C-alpha atoms as a PDB file:
ATOM      1  CA  MET A   1     131.306  84.791 118.855  1.00  0.00           C
ATOM      2  CA  ASN A   2     129.895  82.352 116.315  1.00  0.00           C
ATOM      3  CA  ILE A   3     129.583  84.127 112.970  1.00  0.00           C
ATOM      4  CA  SER A   4     127.106  82.577 110.562  1.00  0.00           C
ATOM      5  CA  LEU A   5     128.435  81.106 107.321  1.00  0.00           C
ATOM      6  CA  ASP A   6     125.067  81.143 105.571  1.00  0.00           C
ATOM      7  CA  PRO A   7     125.404  83.405 102.473  1.00  0.00           C
ATOM      8  CA  TRP A   8     121.776  84.515 102.716  1.00  0.00           C
ATOM      9  CA  VAL A   9     122.342  85.632 106.311  1.00  0.00           C
ATOM     10  CA  TRP A  10     125.349  87.654 105.151  1.00  0.00           C
ATOM     11  CA  ILE A  11     123.328  89.252 102.341  1.00  0.00           C
ATOM     12  CA  SER A  12     120.540  90.154 104.775  1.00  0.00           C
ATOM     13  CA  ALA A  13     123.027  91.522 107.298  1.00  0.00           C
ATOM     14  CA  LEU A  14     124.886  93.661 104.763  1.00  0.00           C
ATOM     15  CA  LEU A  15     121.643  95.051 103.358  1.00  0.00           C
ATOM     16  CA  SER A  16     120.464  95.813 106.906  1.00  0.00           C
ATOM     17  CA  LEU A  17     123.696  97.711 107.601  1.00  0.00           C
ATOM     18  CA  ALA A  18     123.295  99.557 104.303  1.00  0.00           C
ATOM     19  CA  ILE A  19     119.827 100.715 105.325  1.00  0.00           C
ATOM     20  CA  LEU A  20     120.988 101.649 108.840  1.00  0.00           C
ATOM     21  CA  SER A  21     123.851 103.676 107.339  1.00  0.00           C
ATOM     22  CA  PHE A  22     121.277 106.350 106.494  1.00  0.00           C
ATOM     23  CA  LEU A  23     121.367 107.276 110.196  1.00  0.00           C
ATOM     24  CA  TYR A  24     124.796 108.782 109.457  1.00  0.00           C
ATOM     25  CA  ARG A  25     123.916 110.422 106.147  1.00  0.00           C
ATOM     26  CA  ASP A  26     122.655 109.662 102.665  1.00  0.00           C
ATOM     27  CA  ASN A  27     125.210 107.482 100.899  1.00  0.00           C
ATOM     28  CA  PRO A  28     125.582 105.095  97.918  1.00  0.00           C
ATOM     29  CA  PHE A  29     125.144 101.984 100.098  1.00  0.00           C
ATOM     30  CA  TYR A  30     121.767 103.183 101.328  1.00  0.00           C
ATOM     31  CA  LYS A  31     120.673 104.150  97.826  1.00  0.00           C
ATOM     32  CA  PHE A  32     121.664 100.725  96.498  1.00  0.00           C
ATOM     33  CA  ALA A  33     119.682  98.924  99.220  1.00  0.00           C
ATOM     34  CA  GLU A  34     116.718 101.264  98.725  1.00  0.00           C
ATOM     35  CA  HIS A  35     116.611 100.740  94.954  1.00  0.00           C
ATOM     36  CA  LEU A  36     117.067  97.001  95.391  1.00  0.00           C
ATOM     37  CA  PHE A  37     114.149  96.857  97.803  1.00  0.00           C
ATOM     38  CA  VAL A  38     111.892  98.856  95.490  1.00  0.00           C
ATOM     39  CA  GLY A  39     112.845  96.689  92.515  1.00  0.00           C
ATOM     40  CA  VAL A  40     112.320  93.404  94.351  1.00  0.00           C
ATOM     41  CA  ALA A  41     109.019  94.621  95.825  1.00  0.00           C
ATOM     42  CA  ASN A  42     107.715  95.662  92.401  1.00  0.00           C
ATOM     43  CA  GLY A  43     108.880  92.428  90.806  1.00  0.00           C
ATOM     44  CA  TYR A  44     107.154  90.405  93.497  1.00  0.00           C
ATOM     45  CA  ALA A  45     103.984  92.486  93.137  1.00  0.00           C
ATOM     46  CA  VAL A  46     103.886  91.954  89.372  1.00  0.00           C
ATOM     47  CA  THR A  47     104.287  88.182  89.641  1.00  0.00           C
ATOM     48  CA  PHE A  48     101.808  88.003  92.525  1.00  0.00           C
ATOM     49  CA  TYR A  49      99.098  89.914  90.657  1.00  0.00           C
ATOM     50  CA  TRP A  50      99.760  87.913  87.490  1.00  0.00           C
ATOM     51  CA  HIS A  51      99.589  84.418  89.006  1.00  0.00           C
ATOM     52  CA  ASN A  52      97.005  85.065  91.742  1.00  0.00           C
ATOM     53  CA  ILE A  53      94.643  87.614  90.178  1.00  0.00           C
ATOM     54  CA  LEU A  54      94.959  88.135  86.428  1.00  0.00           C
ATOM     55  CA  VAL A  55      95.413  84.526  85.318  1.00  0.00           C
ATOM     56  CA  PRO A  56      92.786  82.798  87.538  1.00  0.00           C
ATOM     57  CA  ALA A  57      90.272  85.659  87.626  1.00  0.00           C
ATOM     58  CA  LEU A  58      90.516  87.003  84.070  1.00  0.00           C
ATOM     59  CA  PHE A  59      92.576  85.095  81.511  1.00  0.00           C
ATOM     60  CA  ASN A  60      91.451  81.567  82.389  1.00  0.00           C
ATOM     61  CA  PRO A  61      87.698  82.393  82.374  1.00  0.00           C
ATOM     62  CA  LEU A  62      88.074  84.450  79.196  1.00  0.00           C
ATOM     63  CA  PHE A  63      90.387  82.348  77.013  1.00  0.00           C
ATOM     64  CA  ARG A  64      90.057  78.827  78.439  1.00  0.00           C
ATOM     65  CA  GLU A  65      86.463  78.724  79.645  1.00  0.00           C
ATOM     66  CA  GLY A  66      85.065  80.931  76.899  1.00  0.00           C
ATOM     67  CA  ARG A  67      83.254  83.441  79.125  1.00  0.00           C
ATOM     68  CA  LEU A  68      83.183  86.210  76.561  1.00  0.00           C
ATOM     69  CA  TYR A  69      81.667  88.787  78.896  1.00  0.00           C
ATOM     70  CA  PHE A  70      85.045  88.913  80.645  1.00  0.00           C
ATOM     71  CA  ILE A  71      86.215  90.896  77.638  1.00  0.00           C
ATOM     72  CA  ILE A  72      84.633  93.984  79.239  1.00  0.00           C
ATOM     73  CA  PRO A  73      86.925  94.119  82.314  1.00  0.00           C
ATOM     74  CA  PHE A  74      89.825  93.097  80.045  1.00  0.00           C
ATOM     75  CA  ILE A  75      89.266  96.124  77.800  1.00  0.00           C
ATOM     76  CA  ILE A  76      88.764  98.431  80.785  1.00  0.00           C
ATOM     77  CA  GLY A  77      92.013  97.194  82.317  1.00  0.00           C
ATOM     78  CA  MET A  78      93.895  97.670  79.035  1.00  0.00           C
ATOM     79  CA  LEU A  79      92.840 101.305  79.046  1.00  0.00           C
ATOM     80  CA  TYR A  80      95.444 101.852  81.776  1.00  0.00           C
ATOM     81  CA  LEU A  81      98.110 101.428  79.069  1.00  0.00           C
ATOM     82  CA  THR A  82      96.764 104.415  77.161  1.00  0.00           C
ATOM     83  CA  ARG A  83      98.561 106.541  79.740  1.00  0.00           C
ATOM     84  CA  PHE A  84     101.704 106.006  77.654  1.00  0.00           C
ATOM     85  CA  ILE A  85     100.052 107.214  74.439  1.00  0.00           C
ATOM     86  CA  PRO A  86      99.712 111.018  74.613  1.00  0.00           C
ATOM     87  CA  ARG A  87      96.952 111.335  71.991  1.00  0.00           C
ATOM     88  CA  ILE A  88      94.530 109.035  73.863  1.00  0.00           C
ATOM     89  CA  SER A  89      95.954 109.285  77.377  1.00  0.00           C
ATOM     90  CA  TRP A  90      92.661 110.761  78.588  1.00  0.00           C
ATOM     91  CA  LEU A  91      91.092 107.282  78.321  1.00  0.00           C
ATOM     92  CA  VAL A  92      92.988 106.256  81.463  1.00  0.00           C
ATOM     93  CA  ARG A  93      90.426 108.257  83.428  1.00  0.00           C
ATOM     94  CA  ILE A  94      87.800 105.591  82.713  1.00  0.00           C
ATOM     95  CA  PRO A  95      89.406 102.673  84.629  1.00  0.00           C
ATOM     96  CA  ILE A  96      90.641 105.019  87.332  1.00  0.00           C
ATOM     97  CA  GLY A  97      87.124 106.409  87.815  1.00  0.00           C
ATOM     98  CA  ILE A  98      85.598 102.922  87.911  1.00  0.00           C
ATOM     99  CA  ALA A  99      88.176 101.705  90.451  1.00  0.00           C
ATOM    100  CA  ILE A 100      87.779 104.738  92.699  1.00  0.00           C
ATOM    101  CA  GLY A 101      83.989 104.587  92.513  1.00  0.00           C
ATOM    102  CA  TYR A 102      83.874 100.862  93.282  1.00  0.00           C
ATOM    103  CA  TYR A 103      86.246 100.950  96.235  1.00  0.00           C
ATOM    104  CA  THR A 104      84.650 104.100  97.613  1.00  0.00           C
ATOM    105  CA  GLY A 105      81.212 102.503  97.482  1.00  0.00           C
ATOM    106  CA  ALA A 106      82.525  99.302  99.061  1.00  0.00           C
ATOM    107  CA  SER A 107      84.383 101.130 101.837  1.00  0.00           C
ATOM    108  CA  ILE A 108      81.521 103.420 102.891  1.00  0.00           C
ATOM    109  CA  PRO A 109      79.421 100.694 104.622  1.00  0.00           C
ATOM    110  CA  ALA A 110      82.514  99.189 106.251  1.00  0.00           C
ATOM    111  CA  THR A 111      83.712 102.583 107.459  1.00  0.00           C
ATOM    112  CA  ILE A 112      80.293 103.501 108.844  1.00  0.00           C
ATOM    113  CA  GLN A 113      80.039 100.155 110.631  1.00  0.00           C
ATOM    114  CA  ALA A 114      83.544 100.228 112.100  1.00  0.00           C
ATOM    115  CA  SER A 115      84.144 103.921 112.717  1.00  0.00           C
ATOM    116  CA  ILE A 116      80.653 105.209 113.557  1.00  0.00           C
ATOM    117  CA  ILE A 117      78.226 102.491 114.638  1.00  0.00           C
ATOM    118  CA  LYS A 118      80.762 100.529 116.689  1.00  0.00           C
ATOM    119  CA  GLN A 119      82.051 103.736 118.270  1.00  0.00           C
ATOM    120  CA  ILE A 120      78.526 104.740 119.245  1.00  0.00           C
ATOM    121  CA  GLN A 121      77.867 101.288 120.676  1.00  0.00           C
ATOM    122  CA  GLY A 122      81.044 101.507 122.706  1.00  0.00           C
ATOM    123  CA  THR A 123      80.122 104.943 124.044  1.00  0.00           C
ATOM    124  CA  ILE A 124      76.496 104.371 125.054  1.00  0.00           C
ATOM    125  CA  LEU A 125      75.969 102.763 128.459  1.00  0.00           C
ATOM    126  CA  THR A 126      73.119 100.270 128.381  1.00  0.00           C
ATOM    127  CA  PRO A 127      71.152  99.113 131.462  1.00  0.00           C
ATOM    128  CA  GLU A 128      72.793  95.695 131.090  1.00  0.00           C
ATOM    129  CA  ASN A 129      76.179  97.323 131.623  1.00  0.00           C
ATOM    130  CA  PHE A 130      75.052  98.984 134.841  1.00  0.00           C
ATOM    131  CA  ALA A 131      73.532  95.727 136.117  1.00  0.00           C
ATOM    132  CA  SER A 132      76.813  93.883 135.613  1.00  0.00           C
ATOM    133  CA  TRP A 133      78.866  96.395 137.603  1.00  0.00           C
ATOM    134  CA  HIS A 134      78.908  96.722 141.351  1.00  0.00           C
ATOM    135  CA  ALA A 135      78.876 100.109 143.056  1.00  0.00           C
ATOM    136  CA  GLY A 136      82.145 101.978 142.675  1.00  0.00           C
ATOM    137  CA  SER A 137      83.333  99.853 139.758  1.00  0.00           C
ATOM    138  CA  ALA A 138      86.118 101.384 137.696  1.00  0.00           C
ATOM    139  CA  GLY A 139      84.213 100.377 134.558  1.00  0.00           C
ATOM    140  CA  ILE A 140      81.493 102.939 135.281  1.00  0.00           C
ATOM    141  CA  ILE A 141      84.064 105.682 135.860  1.00  0.00           C
ATOM    142  CA  TRP A 142      85.919 104.979 132.627  1.00  0.00           C
ATOM    143  CA  SER A 143      82.673 104.749 130.682  1.00  0.00           C
ATOM    144  CA  ILE A 144      81.593 108.164 132.002  1.00  0.00           C
ATOM    145  CA  ILE A 145      84.991 109.627 131.089  1.00  0.00           C
ATOM    146  CA  LEU A 146      84.672 108.129 127.618  1.00  0.00           C
ATOM    147  CA  PHE A 147      81.152 109.465 127.178  1.00  0.00           C
ATOM    148  CA  ILE A 148      82.146 112.975 128.270  1.00  0.00           C
ATOM    149  CA  GLY A 149      85.175 112.856 125.998  1.00  0.00           C
ATOM    150  CA  VAL A 150      83.094 111.914 122.971  1.00  0.00           C
ATOM    151  CA  LEU A 151      80.614 114.745 123.550  1.00  0.00           C
ATOM    152  CA  CYS A 152      83.335 117.325 124.201  1.00  0.00           C
ATOM    153  CA  THR A 153      85.340 116.266 121.174  1.00  0.00           C
ATOM    154  CA  ILE A 154      82.259 116.502 118.950  1.00  0.00           C
ATOM    155  CA  SER A 155      81.540 119.968 120.359  1.00  0.00           C
ATOM    156  CA  TYR A 156      85.047 121.089 119.393  1.00  0.00           C
ATOM    157  CA  PHE A 157      84.285 120.308 115.739  1.00  0.00           C
ATOM    158  CA  TYR A 158      80.960 122.164 115.860  1.00  0.00           C
ATOM    159  CA  PHE A 159      81.750 125.375 113.964  1.00  0.00           C
ATOM    160  CA  SER A 160      78.237 126.715 113.415  1.00  0.00           C
ATOM    161  CA  LYS A 161      78.478 128.659 116.667  1.00  0.00           C
ATOM    162  CA  GLU A 162      81.306 130.613 118.229  1.00  0.00           C
ATOM    163  CA  HIS A 163      83.124 128.694 120.942  1.00  0.00           C
ATOM    164  CA  LYS A 164      82.134 130.801 123.944  1.00  0.00           C
ATOM    165  CA  GLY A 165      80.540 130.025 127.265  1.00  0.00           C
ATOM    166  CA  PHE A 166      79.520 126.421 127.787  1.00  0.00           C
ATOM    167  CA  LEU A 167      80.441 125.448 124.210  1.00  0.00           C
ATOM    168  CA  GLY A 168      83.849 127.043 124.672  1.00  0.00           C
ATOM    169  CA  THR A 169      84.455 125.037 127.845  1.00  0.00           C
ATOM    170  CA  THR A 170      83.444 121.737 126.277  1.00  0.00           C
ATOM    171  CA  SER A 171      85.497 122.441 123.156  1.00  0.00           C
ATOM    172  CA  ARG A 172      88.599 123.114 125.262  1.00  0.00           C
ATOM    173  CA  ILE A 173      88.038 119.819 127.064  1.00  0.00           C
ATOM    174  CA  GLY A 174      87.613 118.200 123.663  1.00  0.00           C
ATOM    175  CA  ILE A 175      91.028 119.553 122.615  1.00  0.00           C
ATOM    176  CA  ILE A 176      92.567 117.785 125.606  1.00  0.00           C
ATOM    177  CA  TYR A 177      90.970 114.499 124.579  1.00  0.00           C
ATOM    178  CA  VAL A 178      92.139 114.974 120.985  1.00  0.00           C
ATOM    179  CA  MET A 179      95.717 115.659 122.118  1.00  0.00           C
ATOM    180  CA  ILE A 180      95.655 112.570 124.343  1.00  0.00           C
ATOM    181  CA  GLY A 181      94.445 110.513 121.380  1.00  0.00           C
ATOM    182  CA  PHE A 182      97.157 111.908 119.096  1.00  0.00           C
ATOM    183  CA  GLY A 183      99.781 111.296 121.771  1.00  0.00           C
ATOM    184  CA  ALA A 184      98.686 107.695 122.226  1.00  0.00           C
ATOM    185  CA  ALA A 185      98.705 107.124 118.459  1.00  0.00           C
ATOM    186  CA  PHE A 186     102.172 108.651 118.134  1.00  0.00           C
ATOM    187  CA  GLY A 187     103.449 106.592 121.054  1.00  0.00           C
ATOM    188  CA  TYR A 188     102.091 103.433 119.466  1.00  0.00           C
ATOM    189  CA  THR A 189     103.836 104.328 116.197  1.00  0.00           C
ATOM    190  CA  VAL A 190     107.142 104.915 117.985  1.00  0.00           C
ATOM    191  CA  MET A 191     106.803 101.604 119.835  1.00  0.00           C
ATOM    192  CA  ALA A 192     106.148  99.786 116.560  1.00  0.00           C
ATOM    193  CA  ARG A 193     109.225 101.325 114.917  1.00  0.00           C
ATOM    194  CA  ILE A 194     111.400 100.537 117.936  1.00  0.00           C
ATOM    195  CA  SER A 195     110.121  96.965 117.847  1.00  0.00           C
ATOM    196  CA  LEU A 196     111.256  96.692 114.215  1.00  0.00           C
ATOM    197  CA  LEU A 197     114.664  98.104 115.154  1.00  0.00           C
ATOM    198  CA  ILE A 198     115.027  95.625 118.022  1.00  0.00           C
ATOM    199  CA  GLY A 199     114.169  92.757 115.702  1.00  0.00           C
ATOM    200  CA  ARG A 200     116.812  93.866 113.190  1.00  0.00           C
ATOM    201  CA  LEU A 201     119.457  94.281 115.914  1.00  0.00           C
ATOM    202  CA  GLN A 202     118.637  90.829 117.263  1.00  0.00           C
ATOM    203  CA  PHE A 203     119.141  89.414 113.777  1.00  0.00           C
ATOM    204  CA  LEU A 204     122.535  91.123 113.419  1.00  0.00           C
ATOM    205  CA  LEU A 205     123.820  90.206 116.882  1.00  0.00           C
ATOM    206  CA  ARG A 206     122.318  86.709 117.111  1.00  0.00           C
ATOM    207  CA  ASP A 207     121.803  85.196 113.673  1.00  0.00           C
ATOM    208  CA  TRP A 208     124.748  86.905 111.979  1.00  0.00           C
ATOM    209  CA  LEU A 209     127.474  87.529 114.563  1.00  0.00           C
ATOM    210  CA  GLY A 210     126.330  85.052 117.201  1.00  0.00           C
ATOM    211  CA  ILE A 211     127.115  87.451 120.054  1.00  0.00           C
ATOM    212  CA  ILE A 212     123.808  86.866 121.832  1.00  0.00           C
ATOM    213  CA  ARG A 213     121.515  83.867 122.064  1.00  0.00           C
END
């Protein structure tokens, strides 16, 4: 065993143990680590936005370069502070509405491109795909399964007609595809969390206690 003497390693290890102590029950050590994390994260966010966004993108062009039209976003941003003044707190709706409208408009084309157009392109089998596959290729089989799954899943979310007969059969198949998708997504999430846990245990046993290499 070769325990580290680095004070920062000890601080990281003790905070890691404080967070992991929540597995036993809620306790003051976990609450301290949780509040410390939230405070540090917010402090970092404030300094990051100040030095990397507000100063170079707003204050420097407005006050140093004399671009007076930057006063408009400055005033709109200051309206966020009216939330703390009850008499004019309704003015906070203006910057919130502008922000939501802007990001919604910017995300719509990206969402359509990534979640609709690319999905359709990945589902449709073009003649070039068939020409590149030899008979009995697994690619054709998986593409057919994917195509059937897309159609059946769409039919499940078609509520203008009662799910009976052929539509009922396809919708039930669509449910199976949806459950497989949810299961895969949940499995991926579990794997990601386990990977984080393994990384933290490796830090405790290797970098802190020196038990493993």
